[in-house]
Amino acid sequence: MHMKKQELIHLHGLLAEVGNYYERVSTRELELSEYESKGVRPTSIHKSKTDHKSAVFALAKGITGTMDEAESAEETVTAKAD
């Protein structure tokens, strides 16, 4: 599937909102050092399609990685409580 730059920017913005929401409703801060090092935000419309694609993947990785860690921690706590 090939996305247009505008579609990638839109996806980037949506993922950023998901990340913000997750941080608000959970007690965890997302690990986004890889994403932040890219220096590309959804509002960086002057950046290339490739830059946004890389940022989207890094942001998604940061979100899912933090969620995986949270799930593993919950499973550990639950197992110790049983």
PDB file of N, CA and C in Angstrom:
ATOM      1  N   MET A   1       0.842  -1.173   0.000  1.00  0.00           N
ATOM      2  CA  MET A   1       0.000   0.000   0.000  1.00  0.00           C
ATOM      3  C   MET A   1       0.895   1.246   0.000  1.00  0.00           C
ATOM      4  N   HIS A   2       0.576   2.166  -0.842  1.00  0.00           N
ATOM      5  CA  HIS A   2       1.333   3.417  -0.923  1.00  0.00           C
ATOM      6  C   HIS A   2       0.453   4.552  -0.428  1.00  0.00           C
ATOM      7  N   MET A   3       0.955   5.243   0.559  1.00  0.00           N
ATOM      8  CA  MET A   3       0.216   6.383   1.096  1.00  0.00           C
ATOM      9  C   MET A   3       0.799   7.668   0.530  1.00  0.00           C
ATOM     10  N   LYS A   4      -0.073   8.619   0.330  1.00  0.00           N
ATOM     11  CA  LYS A   4       0.367   9.938  -0.082  1.00  0.00           C
ATOM     12  C   LYS A   4       0.912  10.666   1.147  1.00  0.00           C
ATOM     13  N   LYS A   5       1.714  11.695   0.896  1.00  0.00           N
ATOM     14  CA  LYS A   5       2.303  12.457   2.004  1.00  0.00           C
ATOM     15  C   LYS A   5       1.211  13.008   2.915  1.00  0.00           C
ATOM     16  N   GLN A   6       0.158  13.530   2.346  1.00  0.00           N
ATOM     17  CA  GLN A   6      -0.928  14.094   3.137  1.00  0.00           C
ATOM     18  C   GLN A   6      -1.558  13.024   4.037  1.00  0.00           C
ATOM     19  N   GLU A   7      -1.697  11.808   3.521  1.00  0.00           N
ATOM     20  CA  GLU A   7      -2.257  10.713   4.315  1.00  0.00           C
ATOM     21  C   GLU A   7      -1.323  10.336   5.464  1.00  0.00           C
ATOM     22  N   LEU A   8      -0.024  10.318   5.189  1.00  0.00           N
ATOM     23  CA  LEU A   8       0.951  10.022   6.244  1.00  0.00           C
ATOM     24  C   LEU A   8       0.924  11.084   7.339  1.00  0.00           C
ATOM     25  N   ILE A   9       0.811  12.336   6.947  1.00  0.00           N
ATOM     26  CA  ILE A   9       0.741  13.421   7.923  1.00  0.00           C
ATOM     27  C   ILE A   9      -0.514  13.260   8.786  1.00  0.00           C
ATOM     28  N   HIS A  10      -1.615  12.887   8.159  1.00  0.00           N
ATOM     29  CA  HIS A  10      -2.859  12.668   8.895  1.00  0.00           C
ATOM     30  C   HIS A  10      -2.702  11.509   9.881  1.00  0.00           C
ATOM     31  N   LEU A  11      -2.129  10.408   9.426  1.00  0.00           N
ATOM     32  CA  LEU A  11      -1.882   9.259  10.293  1.00  0.00           C
ATOM     33  C   LEU A  11      -0.946   9.646  11.439  1.00  0.00           C
ATOM     34  N   HIS A  12       0.064  10.424  11.127  1.00  0.00           N
ATOM     35  CA  HIS A  12       1.019  10.907  12.131  1.00  0.00           C
ATOM     36  C   HIS A  12       0.261  11.677  13.221  1.00  0.00           C
ATOM     37  N   GLY A  13      -0.619  12.559  12.803  1.00  0.00           N
ATOM     38  CA  GLY A  13      -1.415  13.334  13.756  1.00  0.00           C
ATOM     39  C   GLY A  13      -2.315  12.459  14.606  1.00  0.00           C
ATOM     40  N   LEU A  14      -2.937  11.464  13.990  1.00  0.00           N
ATOM     41  CA  LEU A  14      -3.807  10.554  14.735  1.00  0.00           C
ATOM     42  C   LEU A  14      -3.013   9.750  15.767  1.00  0.00           C
ATOM     43  N   LEU A  15      -1.850   9.248  15.370  1.00  0.00           N
ATOM     44  CA  LEU A  15      -1.011   8.503  16.308  1.00  0.00           C
ATOM     45  C   LEU A  15      -0.549   9.386  17.469  1.00  0.00           C
ATOM     46  N   ALA A  16      -0.231  10.627  17.169  1.00  0.00           N
ATOM     47  CA  ALA A  16       0.166  11.561  18.220  1.00  0.00           C
ATOM     48  C   ALA A  16      -0.981  11.741  19.215  1.00  0.00           C
ATOM     49  N   GLU A  17      -2.202  11.826  18.727  1.00  0.00           N
ATOM     50  CA  GLU A  17      -3.372  11.943  19.608  1.00  0.00           C
ATOM     51  C   GLU A  17      -3.562  10.686  20.437  1.00  0.00           C
ATOM     52  N   VAL A  18      -3.361   9.513  19.831  1.00  0.00           N
ATOM     53  CA  VAL A  18      -3.453   8.250  20.573  1.00  0.00           C
ATOM     54  C   VAL A  18      -2.420   8.244  21.700  1.00  0.00           C
ATOM     55  N   GLY A  19      -1.201   8.654  21.390  1.00  0.00           N
ATOM     56  CA  GLY A  19      -0.157   8.711  22.408  1.00  0.00           C
ATOM     57  C   GLY A  19      -0.499   9.661  23.534  1.00  0.00           C
ATOM     58  N   ASN A  20      -0.990  10.835  23.194  1.00  0.00           N
ATOM     59  CA  ASN A  20      -1.391  11.811  24.212  1.00  0.00           C
ATOM     60  C   ASN A  20      -2.517  11.259  25.089  1.00  0.00           C
ATOM     61  N   TYR A  21      -3.484  10.618  24.448  1.00  0.00           N
ATOM     62  CA  TYR A  21      -4.605  10.039  25.187  1.00  0.00           C
ATOM     63  C   TYR A  21      -4.113   8.955  26.138  1.00  0.00           C
ATOM     64  N   TYR A  22      -3.252   8.075  25.656  1.00  0.00           N
ATOM     65  CA  TYR A  22      -2.733   6.981  26.489  1.00  0.00           C
ATOM     66  C   TYR A  22      -2.016   7.528  27.722  1.00  0.00           C
ATOM     67  N   GLU A  23      -1.206   8.548  27.522  1.00  0.00           N
ATOM     68  CA  GLU A  23      -0.495   9.138  28.666  1.00  0.00           C
ATOM     69  C   GLU A  23      -1.461   9.767  29.667  1.00  0.00           C
ATOM     70  N   ARG A  24      -2.560  10.340  29.171  1.00  0.00           N
ATOM     71  CA  ARG A  24      -3.546  10.959  30.071  1.00  0.00           C
ATOM     72  C   ARG A  24      -4.300   9.922  30.892  1.00  0.00           C
ATOM     73  N   VAL A  25      -4.671   8.795  30.282  1.00  0.00           N
ATOM     74  CA  VAL A  25      -5.531   7.835  30.971  1.00  0.00           C
ATOM     75  C   VAL A  25      -4.751   6.752  31.716  1.00  0.00           C
ATOM     76  N   SER A  26      -3.466   6.657  31.465  1.00  0.00           N
ATOM     77  CA  SER A  26      -2.656   5.660  32.164  1.00  0.00           C
ATOM     78  C   SER A  26      -1.707   6.382  33.122  1.00  0.00           C
ATOM     79  N   THR A  27      -0.983   5.616  33.863  1.00  0.00           N
ATOM     80  CA  THR A  27       0.006   6.203  34.763  1.00  0.00           C
ATOM     81  C   THR A  27       1.386   6.139  34.144  1.00  0.00           C
ATOM     82  N   ARG A  28       1.450   5.829  32.866  1.00  0.00           N
ATOM     83  CA  ARG A  28       2.734   5.636  32.193  1.00  0.00           C
ATOM     84  C   ARG A  28       3.039   6.764  31.210  1.00  0.00           C
ATOM     85  N   GLU A  29       4.318   7.058  31.118  1.00  0.00           N
ATOM     86  CA  GLU A  29       4.795   7.998  30.113  1.00  0.00           C
ATOM     87  C   GLU A  29       5.363   7.167  28.965  1.00  0.00           C
ATOM     88  N   LEU A  30       5.028   7.543  27.756  1.00  0.00           N
ATOM     89  CA  LEU A  30       5.505   6.803  26.590  1.00  0.00           C
ATOM     90  C   LEU A  30       7.008   6.963  26.419  1.00  0.00           C
ATOM     91  N   GLU A  31       7.651   5.897  25.991  1.00  0.00           N
ATOM     92  CA  GLU A  31       9.087   5.936  25.674  1.00  0.00           C
ATOM     93  C   GLU A  31       9.197   6.345  24.207  1.00  0.00           C
ATOM     94  N   LEU A  32       9.478   7.615  23.981  1.00  0.00           N
ATOM     95  CA  LEU A  32       9.480   8.164  22.626  1.00  0.00           C
ATOM     96  C   LEU A  32      10.823   8.759  22.224  1.00  0.00           C
ATOM     97  N   SER A  33      11.905   8.302  22.824  1.00  0.00           N
ATOM     98  CA  SER A  33      13.204   8.903  22.500  1.00  0.00           C
ATOM     99  C   SER A  33      13.563   8.728  21.026  1.00  0.00           C
ATOM    100  N   GLU A  34      13.273   7.566  20.452  1.00  0.00           N
ATOM    101  CA  GLU A  34      13.565   7.353  19.028  1.00  0.00           C
ATOM    102  C   GLU A  34      12.736   8.307  18.167  1.00  0.00           C
ATOM    103  N   TYR A  35      11.453   8.433  18.495  1.00  0.00           N
ATOM    104  CA  TYR A  35      10.561   9.332  17.765  1.00  0.00           C
ATOM    105  C   TYR A  35      11.025  10.784  17.894  1.00  0.00           C
ATOM    106  N   GLU A  36      11.308  11.200  19.109  1.00  0.00           N
ATOM    107  CA  GLU A  36      11.702  12.586  19.349  1.00  0.00           C
ATOM    108  C   GLU A  36      13.017  12.932  18.664  1.00  0.00           C
ATOM    109  N   SER A  37      13.903  11.954  18.542  1.00  0.00           N
ATOM    110  CA  SER A  37      15.194  12.209  17.893  1.00  0.00           C
ATOM    111  C   SER A  37      15.038  12.502  16.400  1.00  0.00           C
ATOM    112  N   LYS A  38      13.922  12.111  15.832  1.00  0.00           N
ATOM    113  CA  LYS A  38      13.684  12.341  14.401  1.00  0.00           C
ATOM    114  C   LYS A  38      13.394  13.817  14.108  1.00  0.00           C
ATOM    115  N   GLY A  39      12.853  14.520  15.100  1.00  0.00           N
ATOM    116  CA  GLY A  39      12.560  15.940  14.909  1.00  0.00           C
ATOM    117  C   GLY A  39      11.440  16.211  13.920  1.00  0.00           C
ATOM    118  N   VAL A  40      10.544  15.261  13.762  1.00  0.00           N
ATOM    119  CA  VAL A  40       9.423  15.405  12.824  1.00  0.00           C
ATOM    120  C   VAL A  40       8.136  15.293  13.624  1.00  0.00           C
ATOM    121  N   ARG A  41       7.300  16.298  13.533  1.00  0.00           N
ATOM    122  CA  ARG A  41       6.001  16.318  14.200  1.00  0.00           C
ATOM    123  C   ARG A  41       4.910  16.326  13.133  1.00  0.00           C
ATOM    124  N   PRO A  42       3.677  16.038  13.517  1.00  0.00           N
ATOM    125  CA  PRO A  42       2.594  16.083  12.531  1.00  0.00           C
ATOM    126  C   PRO A  42       2.458  17.454  11.867  1.00  0.00           C
ATOM    127  N   THR A  43       2.863  18.486  12.564  1.00  0.00           N
ATOM    128  CA  THR A  43       2.768  19.845  12.014  1.00  0.00           C
ATOM    129  C   THR A  43       3.957  20.206  11.123  1.00  0.00           C
ATOM    130  N   SER A  44       4.928  19.306  11.011  1.00  0.00           N
ATOM    131  CA  SER A  44       6.129  19.563  10.191  1.00  0.00           C
ATOM    132  C   SER A  44       5.833  19.253   8.721  1.00  0.00           C
ATOM    133  N   ILE A  45       4.950  20.048   8.133  1.00  0.00           N
ATOM    134  CA  ILE A  45       4.503  19.745   6.774  1.00  0.00           C
ATOM    135  C   ILE A  45       5.595  19.940   5.725  1.00  0.00           C
ATOM    136  N   HIS A  46       6.632  20.665   6.078  1.00  0.00           N
ATOM    137  CA  HIS A  46       7.739  20.877   5.146  1.00  0.00           C
ATOM    138  C   HIS A  46       8.663  19.665   5.066  1.00  0.00           C
ATOM    139  N   LYS A  47       8.552  18.746   6.037  1.00  0.00           N
ATOM    140  CA  LYS A  47       9.402  17.550   6.027  1.00  0.00           C
ATOM    141  C   LYS A  47       8.938  16.604   4.925  1.00  0.00           C
ATOM    142  N   SER A  48       9.825  15.731   4.494  1.00  0.00           N
ATOM    143  CA  SER A  48       9.515  14.827   3.386  1.00  0.00           C
ATOM    144  C   SER A  48       8.569  13.705   3.807  1.00  0.00           C
ATOM    145  N   LYS A  49       8.005  13.068   2.813  1.00  0.00           N
ATOM    146  CA  LYS A  49       7.155  11.899   3.025  1.00  0.00           C
ATOM    147  C   LYS A  49       7.939  10.816   3.763  1.00  0.00           C
ATOM    148  N   THR A  50       9.182  10.611   3.374  1.00  0.00           N
ATOM    149  CA  THR A  50      10.043   9.612   4.006  1.00  0.00           C
ATOM    150  C   THR A  50      10.265   9.938   5.480  1.00  0.00           C
ATOM    151  N   ASP A  51      10.460  11.222   5.794  1.00  0.00           N
ATOM    152  CA  ASP A  51      10.638  11.639   7.186  1.00  0.00           C
ATOM    153  C   ASP A  51       9.387  11.326   8.013  1.00  0.00           C
ATOM    154  N   HIS A  52       8.217  11.621   7.457  1.00  0.00           N
ATOM    155  CA  HIS A  52       6.970  11.354   8.176  1.00  0.00           C
ATOM    156  C   HIS A  52       6.750   9.851   8.341  1.00  0.00           C
ATOM    157  N   LYS A  53       7.082   9.089   7.320  1.00  0.00           N
ATOM    158  CA  LYS A  53       6.927   7.634   7.407  1.00  0.00           C
ATOM    159  C   LYS A  53       7.805   7.080   8.525  1.00  0.00           C
ATOM    160  N   SER A  54       9.038   7.526   8.589  1.00  0.00           N
ATOM    161  CA  SER A  54       9.961   7.095   9.635  1.00  0.00           C
ATOM    162  C   SER A  54       9.439   7.503  11.013  1.00  0.00           C
ATOM    163  N   ALA A  55       8.921   8.707  11.118  1.00  0.00           N
ATOM    164  CA  ALA A  55       8.381   9.196  12.391  1.00  0.00           C
ATOM    165  C   ALA A  55       7.151   8.396  12.811  1.00  0.00           C
ATOM    166  N   VAL A  56       6.294   8.064  11.861  1.00  0.00           N
ATOM    167  CA  VAL A  56       5.097   7.270  12.152  1.00  0.00           C
ATOM    168  C   VAL A  56       5.494   5.913  12.721  1.00  0.00           C
ATOM    169  N   PHE A  57       6.465   5.260  12.086  1.00  0.00           N
ATOM    170  CA  PHE A  57       6.901   3.952  12.575  1.00  0.00           C
ATOM    171  C   PHE A  57       7.524   4.065  13.974  1.00  0.00           C
ATOM    172  N   ALA A  58       8.331   5.085  14.204  1.00  0.00           N
ATOM    173  CA  ALA A  58       8.957   5.270  15.516  1.00  0.00           C
ATOM    174  C   ALA A  58       7.915   5.577  16.587  1.00  0.00           C
ATOM    175  N   LEU A  59       6.926   6.384  16.245  1.00  0.00           N
ATOM    176  CA  LEU A  59       5.868   6.729  17.192  1.00  0.00           C
ATOM    177  C   LEU A  59       5.029   5.497  17.520  1.00  0.00           C
ATOM    178  N   ALA A  60       4.663   4.741  16.502  1.00  0.00           N
ATOM    179  CA  ALA A  60       3.885   3.518  16.719  1.00  0.00           C
ATOM    180  C   ALA A  60       4.671   2.526  17.573  1.00  0.00           C
ATOM    181  N   LYS A  61       5.954   2.412  17.323  1.00  0.00           N
ATOM    182  CA  LYS A  61       6.814   1.520  18.105  1.00  0.00           C
ATOM    183  C   LYS A  61       6.857   1.971  19.572  1.00  0.00           C
ATOM    184  N   GLY A  62       6.972   3.267  19.799  1.00  0.00           N
ATOM    185  CA  GLY A  62       6.992   3.792  21.159  1.00  0.00           C
ATOM    186  C   GLY A  62       5.690   3.548  21.896  1.00  0.00           C
ATOM    187  N   ILE A  63       4.576   3.737  21.214  1.00  0.00           N
ATOM    188  CA  ILE A  63       3.262   3.523  21.829  1.00  0.00           C
ATOM    189  C   ILE A  63       3.062   2.046  22.154  1.00  0.00           C
ATOM    190  N   THR A  64       3.268   1.192  21.178  1.00  0.00           N
ATOM    191  CA  THR A  64       3.026  -0.237  21.395  1.00  0.00           C
ATOM    192  C   THR A  64       4.034  -0.837  22.372  1.00  0.00           C
ATOM    193  N   GLY A  65       5.270  -0.367  22.341  1.00  0.00           N
ATOM    194  CA  GLY A  65       6.271  -0.864  23.283  1.00  0.00           C
ATOM    195  C   GLY A  65       5.899  -0.549  24.715  1.00  0.00           C
ATOM    196  N   THR A  66       5.432   0.665  24.960  1.00  0.00           N
ATOM    197  CA  THR A  66       5.023   1.060  26.302  1.00  0.00           C
ATOM    198  C   THR A  66       3.795   0.264  26.730  1.00  0.00           C
ATOM    199  N   MET A  67       2.855   0.051  25.818  1.00  0.00           N
ATOM    200  CA  MET A  67       1.663  -0.733  26.142  1.00  0.00           C
ATOM    201  C   MET A  67       2.034  -2.186  26.452  1.00  0.00           C
ATOM    202  N   ASP A  68       2.972  -2.748  25.698  1.00  0.00           N
ATOM    203  CA  ASP A  68       3.430  -4.116  25.963  1.00  0.00           C
ATOM    204  C   ASP A  68       4.066  -4.218  27.343  1.00  0.00           C
ATOM    205  N   GLU A  69       4.888  -3.235  27.693  1.00  0.00           N
ATOM    206  CA  GLU A  69       5.525  -3.227  29.021  1.00  0.00           C
ATOM    207  C   GLU A  69       4.473  -3.134  30.120  1.00  0.00           C
ATOM    208  N   ALA A  70       3.471  -2.301  29.919  1.00  0.00           N
ATOM    209  CA  ALA A  70       2.410  -2.142  30.913  1.00  0.00           C
ATOM    210  C   ALA A  70       1.633  -3.442  31.070  1.00  0.00           C
ATOM    211  N   GLU A  71       1.346  -4.098  29.972  1.00  0.00           N
ATOM    212  CA  GLU A  71       0.610  -5.362  30.021  1.00  0.00           C
ATOM    213  C   GLU A  71       1.429  -6.436  30.730  1.00  0.00           C
ATOM    214  N   SER A  72       2.713  -6.505  30.445  1.00  0.00           N
ATOM    215  CA  SER A  72       3.590  -7.480  31.101  1.00  0.00           C
ATOM    216  C   SER A  72       3.663  -7.221  32.600  1.00  0.00           C
ATOM    217  N   ALA A  73       3.737  -5.954  32.977  1.00  0.00           N
ATOM    218  CA  ALA A  73       3.797  -5.595  34.398  1.00  0.00           C
ATOM    219  C   ALA A  73       2.499  -5.985  35.100  1.00  0.00           C
ATOM    220  N   GLU A  74       1.369  -5.781  34.443  1.00  0.00           N
ATOM    221  CA  GLU A  74       0.082  -6.162  35.027  1.00  0.00           C
ATOM    222  C   GLU A  74      -0.012  -7.672  35.192  1.00  0.00           C
ATOM    223  N   GLU A  75       0.467  -8.433  34.214  1.00  0.00           N
ATOM    224  CA  GLU A  75       0.440  -9.885  34.298  1.00  0.00           C
ATOM    225  C   GLU A  75       1.314 -10.365  35.447  1.00  0.00           C
ATOM    226  N   THR A  76       2.448  -9.718  35.657  1.00  0.00           N
ATOM    227  CA  THR A  76       3.340 -10.090  36.757  1.00  0.00           C
ATOM    228  C   THR A  76       2.677  -9.819  38.090  1.00  0.00           C
ATOM    229  N   VAL A  77       2.043  -8.680  38.234  1.00  0.00           N
ATOM    230  CA  VAL A  77       1.359  -8.324  39.486  1.00  0.00           C
ATOM    231  C   VAL A  77       0.207  -9.295  39.740  1.00  0.00           C
ATOM    232  N   THR A  78      -0.556  -9.614  38.705  1.00  0.00           N
ATOM    233  CA  THR A  78      -1.665 -10.536  38.827  1.00  0.00           C
ATOM    234  C   THR A  78      -1.179 -11.921  39.215  1.00  0.00           C
ATOM    235  N   ALA A  79      -0.090 -12.382  38.614  1.00  0.00           N
ATOM    236  CA  ALA A  79       0.443 -13.700  38.928  1.00  0.00           C
ATOM    237  C   ALA A  79       0.932 -13.759  40.371  1.00  0.00           C
ATOM    238  N   LYS A  80       1.532 -12.691  40.866  1.00  0.00           N
ATOM    239  CA  LYS A  80       2.020 -12.669  42.259  1.00  0.00           C
ATOM    240  C   LYS A  80       0.846 -12.628  43.244  1.00  0.00           C
ATOM    241  N   ALA A  81      -0.259 -12.020  42.842  1.00  0.00           N
ATOM    242  CA  ALA A  81      -1.429 -11.910  43.722  1.00  0.00           C
ATOM    243  C   ALA A  81      -2.172 -13.234  43.831  1.00  0.00           C
ATOM    244  N   ASP A  82      -2.028 -14.088  42.851  1.00  0.00           N
ATOM    245  CA  ASP A  82      -2.744 -15.385  42.864  1.00  0.00           C
ATOM    246  C   ASP A  82      -2.106 -16.334  43.769  1.00  0.00           C
TER     247      ASP A  82
END
